[in-house]
């Protein structure tokens, strides 16, 4: 079941994490009363709602939803990813409730990703130039490009003229 607002009794409870992880991890999960989502309130790898929760586990920083899935459901098969399952297309990156997660092959996860809206949310190019109407254009493939970066690439490829 996905984070959809539909109430459903879960076979998992955040307190179940305490068996495999110190209480400190369970203490950073708040249950949303409307959706039943387990919302991570600890460290994130992005800003606001766009980031994923992260935690130090087994000596390295890992995504919380993957750690919780492994602890309460089982290992993630090689070549698969844990996705936030929502048939209505919403993607709650801070939810780590096992009932709201699904394991899918990497190819399927990429196919389902909403690339267009992810690109549309970007306000600056990788080099920090603002995507304004004056400083951006769509290339033949339909990708937004930074005019400043393009001009710099063209300039750097020019062969200096002999004097």
Foldseek 3Di string as FASTA:
>chain_A
DFQDQDDDDDPDDLVLCVVVDPCVQSVQWDQDPRRRFTFGNDDWPDPDQVTFDWDQDPNRIDGLLQVLCCSPPRHQDPQKDKAQDDPVLDGRRRGNRNVRIDIDGPVVVVVSDPVVVVLVPDQADPVGHGPDVVQWDADPVRHIDGNVVVVVVVVVPDDDDDD
